C-alpha cells in the first residue's frame, strides 16, 4: 500500500483523506492518507523527518511556498507559480515538487463556464494567491492583487515574479480596503470565511456590486459568506470543491502513474456534495 498525507496547519476543516480514498476507489486501489497538522514553528529538519517517510504528500496553508526549499527538483508548474502543493518521492529517493492547484483551478472555471479574461481581482498573496494571479496573467487577464497592509511586501514580490516571467503582464497591487472595481472575476485566495469562521468575509459587500463572478477556493463551507453576499448582488458564484477534486486527481496521477476521467472525478465530487448535504 502507498502512504500519502496532507501537510498544513490547521487541518480541522480538511476533506483530503476522504477525497483521496474515494479517488483511489474509482481506480480499484486503496491508499493510506493521513493528516499532518504541523505547527509553523517546526524546524525544516523536523518537518522533513516527519514528511519524507511517505511516498508523497499534499501541501496546504501555510507551507506551499516554504516547501520549495525542501525539494530536490521542481516541476515546471511549481517553477512558474513558485508554489508547491504536491510532492512525490522519485525512484532515486529524491523529492520533486509540483503545482496541481493550477490544474484544479482551470478545470473548475471551465466546468462552470467562467472565462479567464478581462479584469481579475485576486484576494491574498500567499501560495495559492500567487498561483491564481500568475495563471490569470498567463491567460491574458489584467490582475489586481488585493491584500491587507501587512501583506503588501509579499504581494509586491509576487508581482515582481510575474513580471520576470511575463514582461508585458498587466498586474498591480492594491489594498483590499481601497478596492472599487469593476471586475469580471474576483477570486478569494485567503482563509477568510473558512470553517469555523464562517461569518467572516475578506471584502466589504459594496465591492461585489461591480463584480460579475466570484470564485472562492474555500470548500468548507460549500457556500461561504462571500458567496452568499455575491449571489445577492447578482454575481455568478463558484466554490472550491471542484478545484479541490481536480487538483487531488492530478496528484494521484503523479503519485501512481494513473489517469482519471471526467466522469470519475465528477462522481467523487457528487459523493462529497452529498456528504456535505447530509
C-alpha atoms as a PDB file:
ATOM      1  CA  UNK A   1       0.000   0.000   0.000  1.00  0.00           C
ATOM      2  CA  UNK A   2       1.107   3.566  -0.731  1.00  0.00           C
ATOM      3  CA  UNK A   3       1.290   6.112   2.074  1.00  0.00           C
ATOM      4  CA  UNK A   4       0.308   9.738   1.489  1.00  0.00           C
ATOM      5  CA  UNK A   5      -0.774  12.701   3.568  1.00  0.00           C
ATOM      6  CA  UNK A   6      -1.533  16.404   3.834  1.00  0.00           C
ATOM      7  CA  UNK A   7       0.870  18.893   5.403  1.00  0.00           C
ATOM      8  CA  UNK A   8      -0.611  22.124   6.737  1.00  0.00           C
ATOM      9  CA  UNK A   9      -1.808  23.959   9.820  1.00  0.00           C
ATOM     10  CA  UNK A  10      -4.538  23.905  10.967  1.00  0.00           C
ATOM     11  CA  UNK A  11      -6.264  20.991   9.224  1.00  0.00           C
ATOM     12  CA  UNK A  12      -9.521  20.531  11.108  1.00  0.00           C
ATOM     13  CA  UNK A  13     -11.506  21.514   8.006  1.00  0.00           C
ATOM     14  CA  UNK A  14      -9.815  19.089   5.595  1.00  0.00           C
ATOM     15  CA  UNK A  15     -11.687  16.643   3.359  1.00  0.00           C
ATOM     16  CA  UNK A  16      -8.470  15.310   1.823  1.00  0.00           C
ATOM     17  CA  UNK A  17      -8.391  11.837   3.464  1.00  0.00           C
ATOM     18  CA  UNK A  18     -11.940  11.074   2.338  1.00  0.00           C
ATOM     19  CA  UNK A  19     -11.331  12.605  -1.093  1.00  0.00           C
ATOM     20  CA  UNK A  20      -8.168  10.648  -1.830  1.00  0.00           C
ATOM     21  CA  UNK A  21      -9.687   7.369  -0.679  1.00  0.00           C
ATOM     22  CA  UNK A  22     -12.707   7.959  -2.957  1.00  0.00           C
ATOM     23  CA  UNK A  23     -10.455   8.764  -5.902  1.00  0.00           C
ATOM     24  CA  UNK A  24      -8.337   5.656  -5.307  1.00  0.00           C
ATOM     25  CA  UNK A  25     -11.505   3.551  -5.073  1.00  0.00           C
ATOM     26  CA  UNK A  26     -12.508   4.766  -8.549  1.00  0.00           C
ATOM     27  CA  UNK A  27      -9.343   3.068  -9.800  1.00  0.00           C
ATOM     28  CA  UNK A  28      -9.827  -0.083  -7.747  1.00  0.00           C
ATOM     29  CA  UNK A  29      -6.969   0.896  -5.465  1.00  0.00           C
ATOM     30  CA  UNK A  30      -6.526   1.614  -1.767  1.00  0.00           C
ATOM     31  CA  UNK A  31      -4.321   4.264  -0.188  1.00  0.00           C
ATOM     32  CA  UNK A  32      -3.389   5.246   3.326  1.00  0.00           C
ATOM     33  CA  UNK A  33      -3.876   9.018   3.621  1.00  0.00           C
ATOM     34  CA  UNK A  34      -3.338  10.896   6.870  1.00  0.00           C
ATOM     35  CA  UNK A  35      -3.396  14.499   8.075  1.00  0.00           C
ATOM     36  CA  UNK A  36      -0.201  16.101   9.365  1.00  0.00           C
ATOM     37  CA  UNK A  37      -1.167  19.330  11.179  1.00  0.00           C
ATOM     38  CA  UNK A  38       2.361  20.560  11.915  1.00  0.00           C
ATOM     39  CA  UNK A  39       2.770  23.968  13.648  1.00  0.00           C
ATOM     40  CA  UNK A  40       4.633  26.612  11.669  1.00  0.00           C
ATOM     41  CA  UNK A  41       7.424  26.969  14.243  1.00  0.00           C
ATOM     42  CA  UNK A  42       8.601  23.427  13.428  1.00  0.00           C
ATOM     43  CA  UNK A  43      12.146  23.422  12.049  1.00  0.00           C
ATOM     44  CA  UNK A  44      12.901  22.470   8.437  1.00  0.00           C
ATOM     45  CA  UNK A  45      14.795  19.372   9.628  1.00  0.00           C
ATOM     46  CA  UNK A  46      11.979  18.158  11.866  1.00  0.00           C
ATOM     47  CA  UNK A  47       9.389  18.880   9.172  1.00  0.00           C
ATOM     48  CA  UNK A  48      11.267  16.838   6.580  1.00  0.00           C
ATOM     49  CA  UNK A  49      11.817  13.998   9.053  1.00  0.00           C
ATOM     50  CA  UNK A  50       8.060  13.706   9.581  1.00  0.00           C
ATOM     51  CA  UNK A  51       7.011  14.033   5.934  1.00  0.00           C
ATOM     52  CA  UNK A  52       9.778  12.335   3.962  1.00  0.00           C
ATOM     53  CA  UNK A  53       8.847   8.882   5.266  1.00  0.00           C
ATOM     54  CA  UNK A  54       5.794   8.986   2.959  1.00  0.00           C
ATOM     55  CA  UNK A  55       5.516   8.131  -0.731  1.00  0.00           C
ATOM     56  CA  UNK A  56       4.203  11.629  -1.425  1.00  0.00           C
ATOM     57  CA  UNK A  57       2.145  14.339   0.195  1.00  0.00           C
ATOM     58  CA  UNK A  58      -0.053  17.338  -0.458  1.00  0.00           C
ATOM     59  CA  UNK A  59       0.793  20.781   0.893  1.00  0.00           C
ATOM     60  CA  UNK A  60      -1.613  23.494   2.017  1.00  0.00           C
ATOM     61  CA  UNK A  61      -1.605  26.717   4.065  1.00  0.00           C
ATOM     62  CA  UNK A  62       0.915  27.887   5.280  1.00  0.00           C
ATOM     63  CA  UNK A  63       3.578  25.621   3.683  1.00  0.00           C
ATOM     64  CA  UNK A  64       3.102  25.989  -0.095  1.00  0.00           C
ATOM     65  CA  UNK A  65       5.942  28.469  -0.511  1.00  0.00           C
ATOM     66  CA  UNK A  66       8.112  27.200   2.336  1.00  0.00           C
ATOM     67  CA  UNK A  67       8.151  23.696   0.812  1.00  0.00           C
ATOM     68  CA  UNK A  68      10.051  25.000  -2.231  1.00  0.00           C
ATOM     69  CA  UNK A  69      13.312  24.924  -0.257  1.00  0.00           C
ATOM     70  CA  UNK A  70      12.858  21.277   0.754  1.00  0.00           C
ATOM     71  CA  UNK A  71      12.509  19.936  -2.793  1.00  0.00           C
ATOM     72  CA  UNK A  72      15.426  18.460  -4.752  1.00  0.00           C
ATOM     73  CA  UNK A  73      13.613  19.183  -8.031  1.00  0.00           C
ATOM     74  CA  UNK A  74      10.699  21.328  -9.178  1.00  0.00           C
ATOM     75  CA  UNK A  75       8.253  20.573 -11.960  1.00  0.00           C
ATOM     76  CA  UNK A  76       7.638  23.381 -14.472  1.00  0.00           C
ATOM     77  CA  UNK A  77       4.302  24.154 -12.780  1.00  0.00           C
ATOM     78  CA  UNK A  78       5.961  24.701  -9.392  1.00  0.00           C
ATOM     79  CA  UNK A  79       8.697  26.801 -11.018  1.00  0.00           C
ATOM     80  CA  UNK A  80       6.134  29.002 -12.765  1.00  0.00           C
ATOM     81  CA  UNK A  81       3.921  29.556  -9.737  1.00  0.00           C
ATOM     82  CA  UNK A  82       6.702  29.429  -7.123  1.00  0.00           C
ATOM     83  CA  UNK A  83       4.366  27.331  -5.020  1.00  0.00           C
ATOM     84  CA  UNK A  84       4.197  23.603  -4.193  1.00  0.00           C
ATOM     85  CA  UNK A  85       1.010  21.749  -3.319  1.00  0.00           C
ATOM     86  CA  UNK A  86       2.108  18.222  -4.318  1.00  0.00           C
ATOM     87  CA  UNK A  87       5.345  16.411  -3.613  1.00  0.00           C
ATOM     88  CA  UNK A  88       6.468  12.990  -4.829  1.00  0.00           C
ATOM     89  CA  UNK A  89       9.339  10.688  -3.942  1.00  0.00           C
ATOM     90  CA  UNK A  90      11.294   9.863  -7.101  1.00  0.00           C
ATOM     91  CA  UNK A  91      12.758   6.442  -7.890  1.00  0.00           C
ATOM     92  CA  UNK A  92      16.197   7.687  -6.777  1.00  0.00           C
ATOM     93  CA  UNK A  93      14.818   8.780  -3.408  1.00  0.00           C
ATOM     94  CA  UNK A  94      14.869  12.495  -4.226  1.00  0.00           C
ATOM     95  CA  UNK A  95      11.823  14.705  -3.805  1.00  0.00           C
ATOM     96  CA  UNK A  96      10.068  16.633  -6.564  1.00  0.00           C
ATOM     97  CA  UNK A  97       7.568  19.448  -6.104  1.00  0.00           C
ATOM     98  CA  UNK A  98       4.563  20.141  -8.329  1.00  0.00           C
ATOM     99  CA  UNK A  99       1.662  22.557  -8.514  1.00  0.00           C
ATOM    100  CA  UNK A 100      -1.643  20.899  -9.370  1.00  0.00           C
ATOM    101  CA  UNK A 101      -3.720  23.753  -7.920  1.00  0.00           C
ATOM    102  CA  UNK A 102      -3.443  25.423 -11.329  1.00  0.00           C
ATOM    103  CA  UNK A 103      -4.975  22.347 -12.994  1.00  0.00           C
ATOM    104  CA  UNK A 104      -7.835  22.274 -10.497  1.00  0.00           C
ATOM    105  CA  UNK A 105      -8.465  25.998 -10.895  1.00  0.00           C
ATOM    106  CA  UNK A 106      -8.613  25.984 -14.698  1.00  0.00           C
ATOM    107  CA  UNK A 107     -10.771  22.835 -14.832  1.00  0.00           C
ATOM    108  CA  UNK A 108     -13.180  24.324 -12.294  1.00  0.00           C
ATOM    109  CA  UNK A 109     -13.514  27.575 -14.246  1.00  0.00           C
ATOM    110  CA  UNK A 110     -14.116  25.655 -17.478  1.00  0.00           C
ATOM    111  CA  UNK A 111     -16.731  23.423 -15.855  1.00  0.00           C
ATOM    112  CA  UNK A 112     -18.648  26.464 -14.600  1.00  0.00           C
ATOM    113  CA  UNK A 113     -18.439  28.478 -17.794  1.00  0.00           C
ATOM    114  CA  UNK A 114     -16.268  31.265 -16.398  1.00  0.00           C
ATOM    115  CA  UNK A 115     -13.745  32.649 -18.862  1.00  0.00           C
ATOM    116  CA  UNK A 116     -10.308  33.625 -17.630  1.00  0.00           C
ATOM    117  CA  UNK A 117     -10.407  37.001 -19.330  1.00  0.00           C
ATOM    118  CA  UNK A 118     -10.770  40.685 -18.597  1.00  0.00           C
ATOM    119  CA  UNK A 119     -10.154  42.231 -15.206  1.00  0.00           C
ATOM    120  CA  UNK A 120      -9.495  39.864 -12.297  1.00  0.00           C
ATOM    121  CA  UNK A 121      -9.081  40.662  -8.595  1.00  0.00           C
ATOM    122  CA  UNK A 122      -7.184  38.109  -6.512  1.00  0.00           C
ATOM    123  CA  UNK A 123      -7.638  38.467  -2.757  1.00  0.00           C
ATOM    124  CA  UNK A 124      -4.494  37.287  -0.954  1.00  0.00           C
ATOM    125  CA  UNK A 125      -0.844  36.836  -1.927  1.00  0.00           C
ATOM    126  CA  UNK A 126       0.048  33.521  -0.288  1.00  0.00           C
ATOM    127  CA  UNK A 127       0.929  30.346  -2.176  1.00  0.00           C
ATOM    128  CA  UNK A 128      -2.465  29.819  -3.785  1.00  0.00           C
ATOM    129  CA  UNK A 129      -2.940  33.561  -4.389  1.00  0.00           C
ATOM    130  CA  UNK A 130       0.353  33.623  -6.248  1.00  0.00           C
ATOM    131  CA  UNK A 131      -0.847  30.734  -8.400  1.00  0.00           C
ATOM    132  CA  UNK A 132      -4.185  32.412  -9.185  1.00  0.00           C
ATOM    133  CA  UNK A 133      -2.513  35.693 -10.128  1.00  0.00           C
ATOM    134  CA  UNK A 134       0.118  34.015 -12.312  1.00  0.00           C
ATOM    135  CA  UNK A 135      -2.378  31.713 -14.022  1.00  0.00           C
ATOM    136  CA  UNK A 136      -4.748  34.594 -14.787  1.00  0.00           C
ATOM    137  CA  UNK A 137      -1.896  36.664 -16.244  1.00  0.00           C
ATOM    138  CA  UNK A 138      -0.879  33.627 -18.305  1.00  0.00           C
ATOM    139  CA  UNK A 139      -4.386  33.628 -19.783  1.00  0.00           C
ATOM    140  CA  UNK A 140      -4.120  37.331 -20.667  1.00  0.00           C
ATOM    141  CA  UNK A 141      -6.084  38.840 -17.779  1.00  0.00           C
ATOM    142  CA  UNK A 142      -5.438  42.193 -16.150  1.00  0.00           C
ATOM    143  CA  UNK A 143      -4.848  41.317 -12.489  1.00  0.00           C
ATOM    144  CA  UNK A 144      -5.254  43.307  -9.286  1.00  0.00           C
ATOM    145  CA  UNK A 145      -3.626  41.563  -6.320  1.00  0.00           C
ATOM    146  CA  UNK A 146      -5.516  42.819  -3.271  1.00  0.00           C
ATOM    147  CA  UNK A 147      -4.074  42.426   0.234  1.00  0.00           C
ATOM    148  CA  UNK A 148      -4.064  43.975   3.683  1.00  0.00           C
ATOM    149  CA  UNK A 149      -1.314  46.381   4.705  1.00  0.00           C
ATOM    150  CA  UNK A 150       0.791  43.714   6.440  1.00  0.00           C
ATOM    151  CA  UNK A 151       0.968  41.651   3.232  1.00  0.00           C
ATOM    152  CA  UNK A 152       1.983  44.460   0.857  1.00  0.00           C
ATOM    153  CA  UNK A 153       5.613  43.357   0.699  1.00  0.00           C
ATOM    154  CA  UNK A 154       4.664  39.763  -0.122  1.00  0.00           C
ATOM    155  CA  UNK A 155       2.278  40.994  -2.810  1.00  0.00           C
ATOM    156  CA  UNK A 156       4.983  43.150  -4.399  1.00  0.00           C
ATOM    157  CA  UNK A 157       7.252  40.092  -4.510  1.00  0.00           C
ATOM    158  CA  UNK A 158       4.514  38.173  -6.330  1.00  0.00           C
ATOM    159  CA  UNK A 159       4.179  40.991  -8.864  1.00  0.00           C
ATOM    160  CA  UNK A 160       7.950  41.052  -9.354  1.00  0.00           C
ATOM    161  CA  UNK A 161       7.974  37.308 -10.031  1.00  0.00           C
ATOM    162  CA  UNK A 162       5.108  37.598 -12.525  1.00  0.00           C
ATOM    163  CA  UNK A 163       6.839  40.415 -14.403  1.00  0.00           C
ATOM    164  CA  UNK A 164      10.032  38.376 -14.587  1.00  0.00           C
ATOM    165  CA  UNK A 165       8.095  35.615 -16.335  1.00  0.00           C
ATOM    166  CA  UNK A 166       5.632  37.773 -18.323  1.00  0.00           C
ATOM    167  CA  UNK A 167       7.296  41.117 -19.022  1.00  0.00           C
ATOM    168  CA  UNK A 168       4.133  42.594 -20.578  1.00  0.00           C
ATOM    169  CA  UNK A 169       1.831  41.487 -17.740  1.00  0.00           C
ATOM    170  CA  UNK A 170      -0.857  43.884 -16.547  1.00  0.00           C
ATOM    171  CA  UNK A 171      -0.663  43.335 -12.779  1.00  0.00           C
ATOM    172  CA  UNK A 172      -0.757  45.659  -9.786  1.00  0.00           C
ATOM    173  CA  UNK A 173      -1.166  45.621  -6.024  1.00  0.00           C
ATOM    174  CA  UNK A 174      -3.961  47.354  -4.118  1.00  0.00           C
ATOM    175  CA  UNK A 175      -5.124  47.403  -0.535  1.00  0.00           C
ATOM    176  CA  UNK A 176      -8.317  45.402  -0.023  1.00  0.00           C
ATOM    177  CA  UNK A 177      -9.814  48.409   1.741  1.00  0.00           C
ATOM    178  CA  UNK A 178      -9.336  50.520  -1.420  1.00  0.00           C
ATOM    179  CA  UNK A 179     -10.965  48.148  -3.913  1.00  0.00           C
ATOM    180  CA  UNK A 180     -13.728  49.507  -6.107  1.00  0.00           C
ATOM    181  CA  UNK A 181     -13.827  47.516  -9.355  1.00  0.00           C
ATOM    182  CA  UNK A 182     -15.245  46.812 -11.828  1.00  0.00           C
ATOM    183  CA  UNK A 183     -14.030  43.198 -12.035  1.00  0.00           C
ATOM    184  CA  UNK A 184     -15.015  40.398 -14.351  1.00  0.00           C
ATOM    185  CA  UNK A 185     -13.867  37.889 -11.740  1.00  0.00           C
ATOM    186  CA  UNK A 186     -12.961  38.082  -8.058  1.00  0.00           C
ATOM    187  CA  UNK A 187     -11.013  35.193  -6.504  1.00  0.00           C
ATOM    188  CA  UNK A 188     -10.727  34.628  -2.775  1.00  0.00           C
ATOM    189  CA  UNK A 189      -7.314  33.154  -2.013  1.00  0.00           C
ATOM    190  CA  UNK A 190      -7.460  33.900   1.721  1.00  0.00           C
ATOM    191  CA  UNK A 191      -8.709  31.613   4.525  1.00  0.00           C
ATOM    192  CA  UNK A 192     -11.290  34.255   5.485  1.00  0.00           C
ATOM    193  CA  UNK A 193     -14.681  32.546   5.744  1.00  0.00           C
ATOM    194  CA  UNK A 194     -13.269  29.048   6.205  1.00  0.00           C
ATOM    195  CA  UNK A 195     -14.780  26.772   8.847  1.00  0.00           C
ATOM    196  CA  UNK A 196     -15.127  27.525  11.735  1.00  0.00           C
ATOM    197  CA  UNK A 197     -15.036  31.285  10.960  1.00  0.00           C
ATOM    198  CA  UNK A 198     -17.964  31.065   8.580  1.00  0.00           C
ATOM    199  CA  UNK A 199     -19.358  34.529   9.347  1.00  0.00           C
ATOM    200  CA  UNK A 200     -16.266  36.340   8.029  1.00  0.00           C
ATOM    201  CA  UNK A 201     -15.745  37.984   4.633  1.00  0.00           C
ATOM    202  CA  UNK A 202     -12.489  39.151   3.010  1.00  0.00           C
ATOM    203  CA  UNK A 203     -14.067  42.230   1.351  1.00  0.00           C
ATOM    204  CA  UNK A 204     -16.885  44.654   2.058  1.00  0.00           C
ATOM    205  CA  UNK A 205     -20.128  43.804   0.197  1.00  0.00           C
ATOM    206  CA  UNK A 206     -20.309  47.045  -1.864  1.00  0.00           C
ATOM    207  CA  UNK A 207     -17.280  45.906  -3.929  1.00  0.00           C
ATOM    208  CA  UNK A 208     -19.355  42.984  -5.193  1.00  0.00           C
ATOM    209  CA  UNK A 209     -21.773  45.357  -6.962  1.00  0.00           C
ATOM    210  CA  UNK A 210     -19.024  45.945  -9.529  1.00  0.00           C
ATOM    211  CA  UNK A 211     -18.132  42.234  -9.901  1.00  0.00           C
ATOM    212  CA  UNK A 212     -19.537  39.744 -12.432  1.00  0.00           C
ATOM    213  CA  UNK A 213     -18.337  36.441 -10.954  1.00  0.00           C
ATOM    214  CA  UNK A 214     -16.796  35.263  -7.669  1.00  0.00           C
ATOM    215  CA  UNK A 215     -14.678  32.161  -7.141  1.00  0.00           C
ATOM    216  CA  UNK A 216     -13.933  31.206  -3.538  1.00  0.00           C
ATOM    217  CA  UNK A 217     -11.303  28.467  -3.228  1.00  0.00           C
ATOM    218  CA  UNK A 218     -12.678  27.580   0.226  1.00  0.00           C
ATOM    219  CA  UNK A 219     -14.685  24.335   0.142  1.00  0.00           C
ATOM    220  CA  UNK A 220     -15.767  24.096   3.795  1.00  0.00           C
ATOM    221  CA  UNK A 221     -18.391  25.520   3.965  1.00  0.00           C
ATOM    222  CA  UNK A 222     -19.536  24.786   0.443  1.00  0.00           C
ATOM    223  CA  UNK A 223     -21.038  28.260   0.191  1.00  0.00           C
ATOM    224  CA  UNK A 224     -19.125  30.922   2.108  1.00  0.00           C
ATOM    225  CA  UNK A 225     -20.469  34.241   3.365  1.00  0.00           C
ATOM    226  CA  UNK A 226     -18.656  35.891   0.456  1.00  0.00           C
ATOM    227  CA  UNK A 227     -20.535  33.654  -1.986  1.00  0.00           C
ATOM    228  CA  UNK A 228     -23.875  34.322  -0.293  1.00  0.00           C
ATOM    229  CA  UNK A 229     -23.388  38.101  -0.465  1.00  0.00           C
ATOM    230  CA  UNK A 230     -22.070  37.944  -4.030  1.00  0.00           C
ATOM    231  CA  UNK A 231     -25.101  35.942  -5.115  1.00  0.00           C
ATOM    232  CA  UNK A 232     -27.367  38.565  -3.542  1.00  0.00           C
ATOM    233  CA  UNK A 233     -25.554  41.183  -5.637  1.00  0.00           C
ATOM    234  CA  UNK A 234     -26.224  39.217  -8.821  1.00  0.00           C
ATOM    235  CA  UNK A 235     -22.765  37.667  -9.229  1.00  0.00           C
ATOM    236  CA  UNK A 236     -22.190  34.190 -10.545  1.00  0.00           C
ATOM    237  CA  UNK A 237     -20.529  32.218  -7.709  1.00  0.00           C
ATOM    238  CA  UNK A 238     -18.370  29.095  -7.601  1.00  0.00           C
ATOM    239  CA  UNK A 239     -16.965  27.343  -4.536  1.00  0.00           C
ATOM    240  CA  UNK A 240     -13.705  25.471  -4.142  1.00  0.00           C
ATOM    241  CA  UNK A 241     -14.864  21.838  -4.141  1.00  0.00           C
ATOM    242  CA  UNK A 242     -14.321  21.324  -7.861  1.00  0.00           C
ATOM    243  CA  UNK A 243     -10.812  22.745  -7.718  1.00  0.00           C
ATOM    244  CA  UNK A 244     -10.077  20.547  -4.700  1.00  0.00           C
ATOM    245  CA  UNK A 245     -11.192  17.392  -6.503  1.00  0.00           C
ATOM    246  CA  UNK A 246      -9.311  18.075  -9.735  1.00  0.00           C
ATOM    247  CA  UNK A 247      -6.041  19.036  -8.044  1.00  0.00           C
ATOM    248  CA  UNK A 248      -6.272  15.854  -5.941  1.00  0.00           C
ATOM    249  CA  UNK A 249      -6.883  13.713  -9.025  1.00  0.00           C
ATOM    250  CA  UNK A 250      -3.844  15.305 -10.681  1.00  0.00           C
ATOM    251  CA  UNK A 251      -1.802  14.498  -7.560  1.00  0.00           C
ATOM    252  CA  UNK A 252      -2.743  10.822  -7.687  1.00  0.00           C
ATOM    253  CA  UNK A 253      -1.907  10.737 -11.393  1.00  0.00           C
ATOM    254  CA  UNK A 254       1.598  11.874 -10.437  1.00  0.00           C
ATOM    255  CA  UNK A 255       1.959   9.517  -7.484  1.00  0.00           C
ATOM    256  CA  UNK A 256       0.593   6.349  -9.061  1.00  0.00           C
ATOM    257  CA  UNK A 257       1.003   6.860 -12.823  1.00  0.00           C
ATOM    258  CA  UNK A 258      -2.747   6.611 -13.406  1.00  0.00           C
ATOM    259  CA  UNK A 259      -5.335   8.647 -15.282  1.00  0.00           C
ATOM    260  CA  UNK A 260      -8.780   9.866 -14.206  1.00  0.00           C
ATOM    261  CA  UNK A 261     -11.718  10.508 -16.497  1.00  0.00           C
ATOM    262  CA  UNK A 262     -14.007  13.500 -16.066  1.00  0.00           C
ATOM    263  CA  UNK A 263     -16.786  11.064 -15.152  1.00  0.00           C
ATOM    264  CA  UNK A 264     -14.751   9.560 -12.302  1.00  0.00           C
ATOM    265  CA  UNK A 265     -13.844  12.930 -10.800  1.00  0.00           C
ATOM    266  CA  UNK A 266     -17.425  14.174 -11.164  1.00  0.00           C
ATOM    267  CA  UNK A 267     -18.697  11.070  -9.358  1.00  0.00           C
ATOM    268  CA  UNK A 268     -16.325  11.692  -6.434  1.00  0.00           C
ATOM    269  CA  UNK A 269     -17.399  15.338  -6.334  1.00  0.00           C
ATOM    270  CA  UNK A 270     -21.074  14.368  -6.143  1.00  0.00           C
ATOM    271  CA  UNK A 271     -20.351  11.993  -3.269  1.00  0.00           C
ATOM    272  CA  UNK A 272     -18.617  14.770  -1.328  1.00  0.00           C
ATOM    273  CA  UNK A 273     -21.500  17.164  -2.042  1.00  0.00           C
ATOM    274  CA  UNK A 274     -23.976  14.595  -0.730  1.00  0.00           C
ATOM    275  CA  UNK A 275     -21.919  14.136   2.417  1.00  0.00           C
ATOM    276  CA  UNK A 276     -21.987  17.906   2.964  1.00  0.00           C
ATOM    277  CA  UNK A 277     -25.763  17.933   2.470  1.00  0.00           C
ATOM    278  CA  UNK A 278     -26.165  15.025   4.873  1.00  0.00           C
END
